Amino acid sequence: MPREVVRSDAFIKATMRNHGTAVFRLAISQTGSKADAEDVYQDVFIALACCDTNFKDAEHLKAWLLRTTINRCRDLSRSWWKRRGSSLETLTLDLPDKDANGEAANYEALWKAVRKLPERYRALVHLRYVEEMTCEQIADITDTNASTVRTRLSRAHQKLRTLLEESNETI
């Protein structure tokens, strides 16, 4: 059953311009596939066009978009196709060769390890370090307590350290 569009084209275009990159980056970090991330991106903005939520401010809108992105990625990972199929593409990231101090950076190894984390940790790591959100903001988006977010981030750090040590990579 088709849903009715309740948002203007101008609103959707402005939101895509302002928050589209964050939605796409989160989708890529969750799915590990550019094609799946593009599908999620499209689904999120279609959902926005059809939702009648009154957003209090830009932060509320961004939180809604990121929460919807996480939910759509979760739905995708549970789908029959994802459970039975396999991706034909390999995710490659365009990352700088040097970090802020001019030293060689091994971001590829780090993001490879992040993609191995369980979903509950992967999303938090992305929101904290890529989107630069506070634990309180993440808690609002994920509908958990800020202390839970901090605990899960700590556990994610431990798991990342273990994964990187196992692969003999240094960051």
N, C-alpha and C. Protein backbone atom coordinates (compact mmCIF):
# COMPACT_ATOMS: atom_id res chain seq x y z
N MET A 1 0.83 -1.17 0.00
CA MET A 1 0.00 0.00 0.00
C MET A 1 0.89 1.24 0.00
N PRO A 2 0.75 2.10 -0.98
CA PRO A 2 1.57 3.31 -1.06
C PRO A 2 1.27 4.25 0.10
N ARG A 3 2.31 4.89 0.57
CA ARG A 3 2.16 5.86 1.64
C ARG A 3 2.03 7.25 1.03
N GLU A 4 1.35 8.12 1.73
CA GLU A 4 1.15 9.48 1.25
C GLU A 4 2.34 10.36 1.63
N VAL A 5 2.81 11.14 0.68
CA VAL A 5 3.90 12.07 0.91
C VAL A 5 3.34 13.29 1.63
N VAL A 6 3.93 13.62 2.78
CA VAL A 6 3.42 14.75 3.57
C VAL A 6 4.44 15.88 3.70
N ARG A 7 5.64 15.68 3.18
CA ARG A 7 6.69 16.70 3.26
C ARG A 7 6.93 17.32 1.88
N SER A 8 7.35 18.56 1.88
CA SER A 8 7.63 19.24 0.61
C SER A 8 8.96 18.79 0.04
N ASP A 9 9.10 18.93 -1.27
CA ASP A 9 10.38 18.62 -1.92
C ASP A 9 11.50 19.48 -1.36
N ALA A 10 11.21 20.73 -1.09
CA ALA A 10 12.22 21.64 -0.56
C ALA A 10 12.73 21.16 0.80
N PHE A 11 11.83 20.68 1.67
CA PHE A 11 12.22 20.17 2.98
C PHE A 11 13.10 18.93 2.83
N ILE A 12 12.69 18.01 1.98
CA ILE A 12 13.46 16.78 1.77
C ILE A 12 14.83 17.10 1.19
N LYS A 13 14.89 17.97 0.19
CA LYS A 13 16.18 18.33 -0.41
C LYS A 13 17.09 19.01 0.60
N ALA A 14 16.56 19.91 1.40
CA ALA A 14 17.38 20.59 2.41
C ALA A 14 17.88 19.59 3.45
N THR A 15 17.03 18.67 3.86
CA THR A 15 17.43 17.66 4.84
C THR A 15 18.49 16.74 4.25
N MET A 16 18.34 16.35 3.01
CA MET A 16 19.35 15.51 2.35
C MET A 16 20.68 16.25 2.27
N ARG A 17 20.61 17.51 1.97
CA ARG A 17 21.83 18.33 1.88
C ARG A 17 22.50 18.46 3.25
N ASN A 18 21.72 18.68 4.29
CA ASN A 18 22.26 18.90 5.63
C ASN A 18 22.64 17.62 6.37
N HIS A 19 21.90 16.54 6.16
CA HIS A 19 22.10 15.32 6.95
C HIS A 19 22.33 14.06 6.12
N GLY A 20 22.28 14.19 4.82
CA GLY A 20 22.42 13.02 3.96
C GLY A 20 23.75 12.30 4.12
N THR A 21 24.83 13.05 4.27
CA THR A 21 26.15 12.44 4.43
C THR A 21 26.21 11.61 5.70
N ALA A 22 25.65 12.13 6.80
CA ALA A 22 25.65 11.39 8.06
C ALA A 22 24.85 10.10 7.93
N VAL A 23 23.70 10.17 7.28
CA VAL A 23 22.87 8.98 7.07
C VAL A 23 23.64 7.95 6.24
N PHE A 24 24.25 8.39 5.16
CA PHE A 24 24.97 7.46 4.27
C PHE A 24 26.17 6.84 4.98
N ARG A 25 26.94 7.66 5.71
CA ARG A 25 28.12 7.13 6.42
C ARG A 25 27.70 6.09 7.45
N LEU A 26 26.63 6.36 8.19
CA LEU A 26 26.16 5.41 9.18
C LEU A 26 25.69 4.13 8.50
N ALA A 27 24.99 4.27 7.39
CA ALA A 27 24.51 3.09 6.66
C ALA A 27 25.67 2.26 6.14
N ILE A 28 26.71 2.90 5.63
CA ILE A 28 27.89 2.16 5.14
C ILE A 28 28.58 1.45 6.29
N SER A 29 28.71 2.14 7.43
CA SER A 29 29.40 1.51 8.55
C SER A 29 28.60 0.33 9.09
N GLN A 30 27.30 0.37 8.99
CA GLN A 30 26.47 -0.72 9.47
C GLN A 30 26.38 -1.88 8.49
N THR A 31 26.26 -1.58 7.21
CA THR A 31 26.04 -2.64 6.23
C THR A 31 27.33 -3.16 5.61
N GLY A 32 28.35 -2.30 5.53
CA GLY A 32 29.61 -2.71 4.89
C GLY A 32 29.50 -2.80 3.38
N SER A 33 28.44 -2.29 2.83
CA SER A 33 28.20 -2.38 1.39
C SER A 33 27.67 -1.06 0.86
N LYS A 34 28.29 -0.56 -0.18
CA LYS A 34 27.83 0.71 -0.76
C LYS A 34 26.41 0.56 -1.31
N ALA A 35 26.14 -0.54 -1.98
CA ALA A 35 24.81 -0.75 -2.57
C ALA A 35 23.74 -0.83 -1.48
N ASP A 36 24.01 -1.56 -0.41
CA ASP A 36 23.04 -1.64 0.69
C ASP A 36 22.88 -0.29 1.36
N ALA A 37 23.97 0.44 1.52
CA ALA A 37 23.91 1.77 2.14
C ALA A 37 23.06 2.71 1.28
N GLU A 38 23.18 2.62 -0.03
CA GLU A 38 22.36 3.45 -0.91
C GLU A 38 20.88 3.10 -0.77
N ASP A 39 20.57 1.80 -0.64
CA ASP A 39 19.18 1.38 -0.43
C ASP A 39 18.64 1.92 0.88
N VAL A 40 19.44 1.81 1.94
CA VAL A 40 19.02 2.31 3.25
C VAL A 40 18.80 3.83 3.18
N TYR A 41 19.73 4.54 2.56
CA TYR A 41 19.64 6.00 2.40
C TYR A 41 18.30 6.36 1.74
N GLN A 42 18.00 5.68 0.66
CA GLN A 42 16.76 5.95 -0.06
C GLN A 42 15.55 5.65 0.83
N ASP A 43 15.56 4.52 1.52
CA ASP A 43 14.45 4.15 2.39
C ASP A 43 14.23 5.17 3.51
N VAL A 44 15.33 5.66 4.09
CA VAL A 44 15.23 6.62 5.18
C VAL A 44 14.57 7.90 4.71
N PHE A 45 14.97 8.40 3.54
CA PHE A 45 14.39 9.66 3.07
C PHE A 45 12.98 9.48 2.53
N ILE A 46 12.64 8.31 2.06
CA ILE A 46 11.25 8.04 1.69
C ILE A 46 10.39 8.02 2.96
N ALA A 47 10.92 7.38 4.01
CA ALA A 47 10.20 7.37 5.28
C ALA A 47 10.01 8.78 5.81
N LEU A 48 11.02 9.62 5.68
CA LEU A 48 10.91 11.01 6.12
C LEU A 48 9.83 11.74 5.33
N ALA A 49 9.81 11.53 4.03
CA ALA A 49 8.82 12.21 3.18
C ALA A 49 7.39 11.82 3.58
N CYS A 50 7.24 10.62 4.10
CA CYS A 50 5.90 10.12 4.42
C CYS A 50 5.54 10.21 5.90
N CYS A 51 6.47 10.62 6.74
CA CYS A 51 6.16 10.68 8.17
C CYS A 51 5.63 12.07 8.53
N ASP A 52 4.72 12.09 9.49
CA ASP A 52 4.11 13.36 9.87
C ASP A 52 4.59 13.85 11.23
N THR A 53 5.74 13.38 11.65
CA THR A 53 6.32 13.81 12.92
C THR A 53 6.64 15.29 12.87
N ASN A 54 6.31 16.00 13.92
CA ASN A 54 6.67 17.41 14.04
C ASN A 54 8.00 17.47 14.79
N PHE A 55 9.05 17.83 14.10
CA PHE A 55 10.37 17.89 14.69
C PHE A 55 10.53 19.19 15.46
N LYS A 56 11.05 19.07 16.69
CA LYS A 56 11.23 20.25 17.55
C LYS A 56 12.31 21.17 17.02
N ASP A 57 13.39 20.57 16.51
CA ASP A 57 14.52 21.35 16.02
C ASP A 57 15.38 20.47 15.12
N ALA A 58 16.49 21.02 14.64
CA ALA A 58 17.37 20.28 13.73
C ALA A 58 17.98 19.05 14.39
N GLU A 59 18.27 19.14 15.69
CA GLU A 59 18.84 18.00 16.42
C GLU A 59 17.84 16.85 16.50
N HIS A 60 16.56 17.20 16.73
CA HIS A 60 15.52 16.17 16.78
C HIS A 60 15.39 15.48 15.41
N LEU A 61 15.44 16.26 14.35
CA LEU A 61 15.39 15.71 13.00
C LEU A 61 16.57 14.78 12.74
N LYS A 62 17.78 15.23 13.09
CA LYS A 62 18.98 14.41 12.88
C LYS A 62 18.89 13.12 13.69
N ALA A 63 18.45 13.21 14.92
CA ALA A 63 18.30 12.01 15.76
C ALA A 63 17.31 11.04 15.14
N TRP A 64 16.20 11.56 14.61
CA TRP A 64 15.21 10.71 13.96
C TRP A 64 15.82 10.02 12.74
N LEU A 65 16.55 10.77 11.94
CA LEU A 65 17.18 10.20 10.75
C LEU A 65 18.17 9.09 11.11
N LEU A 66 19.01 9.33 12.11
CA LEU A 66 20.01 8.33 12.49
C LEU A 66 19.36 7.11 13.13
N ARG A 67 18.33 7.30 13.93
CA ARG A 67 17.61 6.18 14.53
C ARG A 67 16.94 5.35 13.43
N THR A 68 16.32 6.02 12.47
CA THR A 68 15.67 5.33 11.36
C THR A 68 16.70 4.58 10.53
N THR A 69 17.88 5.16 10.33
CA THR A 69 18.95 4.50 9.59
C THR A 69 19.39 3.23 10.30
N ILE A 70 19.60 3.30 11.60
CA ILE A 70 19.99 2.11 12.37
C ILE A 70 18.92 1.05 12.27
N ASN A 71 17.66 1.44 12.41
CA ASN A 71 16.56 0.46 12.33
C ASN A 71 16.49 -0.18 10.94
N ARG A 72 16.65 0.62 9.90
CA ARG A 72 16.58 0.08 8.53
C ARG A 72 17.74 -0.87 8.27
N CYS A 73 18.94 -0.53 8.77
CA CYS A 73 20.10 -1.42 8.62
C CYS A 73 19.85 -2.74 9.36
N ARG A 74 19.25 -2.64 10.53
CA ARG A 74 18.93 -3.85 11.30
C ARG A 74 17.92 -4.70 10.54
N ASP A 75 16.89 -4.06 9.97
CA ASP A 75 15.90 -4.80 9.17
C ASP A 75 16.57 -5.49 7.99
N LEU A 76 17.48 -4.78 7.34
CA LEU A 76 18.17 -5.33 6.18
C LEU A 76 19.02 -6.54 6.58
N SER A 77 19.71 -6.44 7.71
CA SER A 77 20.57 -7.55 8.14
C SER A 77 19.76 -8.78 8.52
N ARG A 78 18.50 -8.59 8.88
CA ARG A 78 17.63 -9.72 9.25
C ARG A 78 16.87 -10.28 8.06
N SER A 79 16.97 -9.63 6.91
CA SER A 79 16.18 -10.06 5.76
C SER A 79 16.65 -11.42 5.22
N TRP A 80 15.76 -12.09 4.55
CA TRP A 80 16.08 -13.41 3.99
C TRP A 80 17.28 -13.30 3.04
N TRP A 81 17.28 -12.29 2.20
CA TRP A 81 18.35 -12.16 1.21
C TRP A 81 19.71 -12.00 1.87
N LYS A 82 19.78 -11.18 2.91
CA LYS A 82 21.05 -10.94 3.60
C LYS A 82 21.54 -12.20 4.30
N ARG A 83 20.62 -12.96 4.86
CA ARG A 83 21.02 -14.17 5.57
C ARG A 83 21.48 -15.26 4.62
N ARG A 84 20.96 -15.28 3.40
CA ARG A 84 21.27 -16.36 2.47
C ARG A 84 22.23 -15.94 1.35
N GLY A 85 22.30 -14.65 1.07
CA GLY A 85 23.14 -14.16 -0.02
C GLY A 85 24.48 -13.67 0.49
N SER A 86 25.31 -13.25 -0.42
CA SER A 86 26.58 -12.65 -0.03
C SER A 86 26.87 -11.49 -0.97
N SER A 87 27.56 -10.49 -0.44
CA SER A 87 27.86 -9.31 -1.21
C SER A 87 28.98 -9.59 -2.20
N LEU A 88 28.87 -9.05 -3.39
CA LEU A 88 29.90 -9.23 -4.39
C LEU A 88 30.92 -8.11 -4.37
N GLU A 89 30.65 -7.08 -3.58
CA GLU A 89 31.56 -5.95 -3.56
C GLU A 89 32.35 -5.93 -2.25
N THR A 90 33.47 -5.33 -2.29
CA THR A 90 34.29 -5.13 -1.11
C THR A 90 34.31 -3.65 -0.82
N LEU A 91 34.07 -3.31 0.42
CA LEU A 91 34.06 -1.91 0.79
C LEU A 91 35.47 -1.38 0.84
N THR A 92 35.71 -0.29 0.13
CA THR A 92 36.99 0.39 0.23
C THR A 92 36.73 1.81 0.68
N LEU A 93 37.56 2.29 1.54
CA LEU A 93 37.39 3.63 2.07
C LEU A 93 38.50 4.52 1.57
N ASP A 94 38.16 5.74 1.20
CA ASP A 94 39.17 6.72 0.82
C ASP A 94 39.59 7.44 2.08
N LEU A 95 40.72 7.03 2.62
CA LEU A 95 41.21 7.59 3.87
C LEU A 95 42.58 8.19 3.67
N PRO A 96 42.94 9.19 4.47
CA PRO A 96 44.26 9.79 4.34
C PRO A 96 45.36 8.82 4.72
N ASP A 97 46.55 9.00 4.10
CA ASP A 97 47.70 8.15 4.39
C ASP A 97 48.37 8.55 5.69
N LYS A 98 48.12 9.75 6.15
CA LYS A 98 48.76 10.24 7.37
C LYS A 98 47.72 10.78 8.32
N ASP A 99 48.00 10.64 9.62
CA ASP A 99 47.08 11.19 10.60
C ASP A 99 47.39 12.66 10.87
N ALA A 100 46.76 13.25 11.87
CA ALA A 100 46.94 14.68 12.14
C ALA A 100 48.38 15.04 12.50
N ASN A 101 49.13 14.10 13.04
CA ASN A 101 50.52 14.35 13.41
C ASN A 101 51.50 14.07 12.28
N GLY A 102 50.99 13.71 11.11
CA GLY A 102 51.86 13.42 9.97
C GLY A 102 52.41 12.01 9.97
N GLU A 103 51.94 11.18 10.92
CA GLU A 103 52.41 9.81 10.99
C GLU A 103 51.52 8.93 10.12
N ALA A 104 52.10 7.81 9.67
CA ALA A 104 51.34 6.88 8.84
C ALA A 104 50.14 6.37 9.62
N ALA A 105 48.99 6.38 8.99
CA ALA A 105 47.77 5.94 9.65
C ALA A 105 47.26 4.68 8.97
N ASN A 106 46.79 3.74 9.77
CA ASN A 106 46.27 2.50 9.23
C ASN A 106 44.76 2.44 9.51
N TYR A 107 44.03 3.36 8.90
CA TYR A 107 42.59 3.44 9.11
C TYR A 107 41.87 2.23 8.53
N GLU A 108 42.39 1.71 7.45
CA GLU A 108 41.74 0.56 6.82
C GLU A 108 41.65 -0.61 7.79
N ALA A 109 42.74 -0.88 8.52
CA ALA A 109 42.73 -1.96 9.50
C ALA A 109 41.74 -1.67 10.62
N LEU A 110 41.68 -0.41 11.04
CA LEU A 110 40.75 -0.04 12.10
C LEU A 110 39.31 -0.28 11.65
N TRP A 111 38.94 0.21 10.47
CA TRP A 111 37.55 0.07 10.02
C TRP A 111 37.21 -1.37 9.67
N LYS A 112 38.20 -2.13 9.26
CA LYS A 112 37.98 -3.57 9.05
C LYS A 112 37.63 -4.22 10.38
N ALA A 113 38.33 -3.84 11.43
CA ALA A 113 38.04 -4.36 12.78
C ALA A 113 36.68 -3.87 13.26
N VAL A 114 36.35 -2.60 13.00
CA VAL A 114 35.05 -2.07 13.42
C VAL A 114 33.92 -2.85 12.75
N ARG A 115 34.09 -3.20 11.48
CA ARG A 115 33.05 -3.96 10.77
C ARG A 115 32.86 -5.36 11.35
N LYS A 116 33.85 -5.86 12.10
CA LYS A 116 33.74 -7.18 12.74
C LYS A 116 33.02 -7.12 14.08
N LEU A 117 32.83 -5.91 14.61
CA LEU A 117 32.15 -5.76 15.88
C LEU A 117 30.68 -6.14 15.74
N PRO A 118 30.06 -6.61 16.82
CA PRO A 118 28.61 -6.83 16.79
C PRO A 118 27.90 -5.51 16.50
N GLU A 119 26.73 -5.59 15.92
CA GLU A 119 25.99 -4.40 15.49
C GLU A 119 25.80 -3.39 16.61
N ARG A 120 25.50 -3.86 17.81
CA ARG A 120 25.22 -2.94 18.92
C ARG A 120 26.42 -2.06 19.24
N TYR A 121 27.63 -2.55 19.00
CA TYR A 121 28.83 -1.76 19.25
C TYR A 121 29.21 -0.92 18.02
N ARG A 122 29.03 -1.49 16.84
CA ARG A 122 29.42 -0.82 15.60
C ARG A 122 28.71 0.52 15.44
N ALA A 123 27.41 0.52 15.69
CA ALA A 123 26.63 1.75 15.56
C ALA A 123 27.11 2.80 16.56
N LEU A 124 27.38 2.39 17.78
CA LEU A 124 27.82 3.34 18.79
C LEU A 124 29.18 3.94 18.44
N VAL A 125 30.11 3.10 17.97
CA VAL A 125 31.43 3.59 17.57
C VAL A 125 31.29 4.60 16.45
N HIS A 126 30.44 4.31 15.48
CA HIS A 126 30.24 5.25 14.37
C HIS A 126 29.68 6.58 14.87
N LEU A 127 28.61 6.50 15.67
CA LEU A 127 27.98 7.73 16.14
C LEU A 127 28.94 8.56 17.00
N ARG A 128 29.75 7.90 17.80
CA ARG A 128 30.66 8.62 18.71
C ARG A 128 31.84 9.23 17.96
N TYR A 129 32.49 8.45 17.10
CA TYR A 129 33.76 8.90 16.53
C TYR A 129 33.67 9.46 15.11
N VAL A 130 32.67 9.08 14.37
CA VAL A 130 32.51 9.65 13.02
C VAL A 130 31.56 10.84 13.07
N GLU A 131 30.42 10.65 13.72
CA GLU A 131 29.44 11.74 13.83
C GLU A 131 29.76 12.68 14.98
N GLU A 132 30.72 12.31 15.83
CA GLU A 132 31.19 13.12 16.97
C GLU A 132 30.04 13.52 17.90
N MET A 133 29.20 12.55 18.22
CA MET A 133 28.08 12.80 19.12
C MET A 133 28.50 12.47 20.55
N THR A 134 27.86 13.13 21.51
CA THR A 134 28.13 12.84 22.92
C THR A 134 27.39 11.56 23.30
N CYS A 135 27.77 11.00 24.44
CA CYS A 135 27.09 9.79 24.92
C CYS A 135 25.62 10.07 25.19
N GLU A 136 25.31 11.26 25.65
CA GLU A 136 23.92 11.63 25.92
C GLU A 136 23.11 11.69 24.62
N GLN A 137 23.69 12.25 23.57
CA GLN A 137 23.00 12.31 22.28
C GLN A 137 22.78 10.90 21.72
N ILE A 138 23.80 10.06 21.85
CA ILE A 138 23.69 8.68 21.37
C ILE A 138 22.61 7.95 22.16
N ALA A 139 22.57 8.19 23.47
CA ALA A 139 21.55 7.55 24.32
C ALA A 139 20.15 7.92 23.85
N ASP A 140 19.95 9.19 23.48
CA ASP A 140 18.64 9.62 22.98
C ASP A 140 18.29 8.90 21.69
N ILE A 141 19.25 8.78 20.80
CA ILE A 141 19.01 8.15 19.50
C ILE A 141 18.73 6.66 19.66
N THR A 142 19.50 6.00 20.51
CA THR A 142 19.39 4.54 20.65
C THR A 142 18.40 4.13 21.74
N ASP A 143 17.78 5.11 22.40
CA ASP A 143 16.79 4.86 23.44
C ASP A 143 17.37 3.99 24.56
N THR A 144 18.58 4.36 25.02
CA THR A 144 19.22 3.70 26.14
C THR A 144 19.73 4.77 27.11
N ASN A 145 20.29 4.34 28.20
CA ASN A 145 20.88 5.27 29.16
C ASN A 145 22.28 5.67 28.70
N ALA A 146 22.71 6.87 29.07
CA ALA A 146 24.06 7.33 28.72
C ALA A 146 25.11 6.41 29.34
N SER A 147 24.85 5.90 30.53
CA SER A 147 25.81 4.99 31.16
C SER A 147 25.93 3.69 30.38
N THR A 148 24.83 3.24 29.79
CA THR A 148 24.86 2.04 28.95
C THR A 148 25.70 2.31 27.70
N VAL A 149 25.54 3.48 27.13
CA VAL A 149 26.34 3.86 25.95
C VAL A 149 27.82 3.84 26.31
N ARG A 150 28.19 4.45 27.45
CA ARG A 150 29.59 4.48 27.86
C ARG A 150 30.13 3.08 28.08
N THR A 151 29.34 2.21 28.71
CA THR A 151 29.77 0.83 28.95
C THR A 151 29.98 0.10 27.63
N ARG A 152 29.05 0.25 26.70
CA ARG A 152 29.16 -0.43 25.41
C ARG A 152 30.33 0.10 24.59
N LEU A 153 30.59 1.41 24.68
CA LEU A 153 31.76 1.96 24.00
C LEU A 153 33.05 1.40 24.60
N SER A 154 33.08 1.27 25.90
CA SER A 154 34.25 0.68 26.55
C SER A 154 34.46 -0.76 26.10
N ARG A 155 33.39 -1.51 26.04
CA ARG A 155 33.47 -2.91 25.56
C ARG A 155 33.89 -2.96 24.10
N ALA A 156 33.39 -2.01 23.30
CA ALA A 156 33.78 -1.96 21.89
C ALA A 156 35.27 -1.69 21.77
N HIS A 157 35.79 -0.79 22.60
CA HIS A 157 37.24 -0.50 22.59
C HIS A 157 38.04 -1.76 22.92
N GLN A 158 37.58 -2.50 23.92
CA GLN A 158 38.28 -3.73 24.31
C GLN A 158 38.26 -4.74 23.16
N LYS A 159 37.11 -4.89 22.53
CA LYS A 159 37.00 -5.83 21.41
C LYS A 159 37.85 -5.39 20.23
N LEU A 160 37.87 -4.08 19.97
CA LEU A 160 38.72 -3.57 18.88
C LEU A 160 40.19 -3.82 19.16
N ARG A 161 40.60 -3.58 20.40
CA ARG A 161 41.99 -3.81 20.78
C ARG A 161 42.35 -5.28 20.55
N THR A 162 41.46 -6.18 20.95
CA THR A 162 41.70 -7.61 20.77
C THR A 162 41.77 -7.98 19.29
N LEU A 163 40.82 -7.46 18.50
CA LEU A 163 40.80 -7.75 17.06
C LEU A 163 42.07 -7.25 16.38
N LEU A 164 42.51 -6.04 16.74
CA LEU A 164 43.71 -5.48 16.13
C LEU A 164 44.96 -6.23 16.56
N GLU A 165 45.01 -6.66 17.81
CA GLU A 165 46.17 -7.44 18.27
C GLU A 165 46.22 -8.79 17.57
N GLU A 166 45.06 -9.40 17.37
CA GLU A 166 45.01 -10.70 16.68
C GLU A 166 45.49 -10.59 15.24
N SER A 167 45.19 -9.45 14.63
CA SER A 167 45.62 -9.28 13.23
C SER A 167 46.99 -8.62 13.14
N ASN A 168 47.62 -8.37 14.29
CA ASN A 168 48.95 -7.75 14.36
C ASN A 168 49.00 -6.40 13.69
N GLU A 169 47.92 -5.64 13.76
CA GLU A 169 47.86 -4.31 13.18
C GLU A 169 48.03 -3.29 14.28
N THR A 170 48.62 -2.19 13.96
CA THR A 170 48.74 -1.08 14.89
C THR A 170 48.11 0.15 14.27
N ILE A 171 47.52 0.93 15.10
CA ILE A 171 46.86 2.15 14.64
C ILE A 171 47.63 3.33 15.20
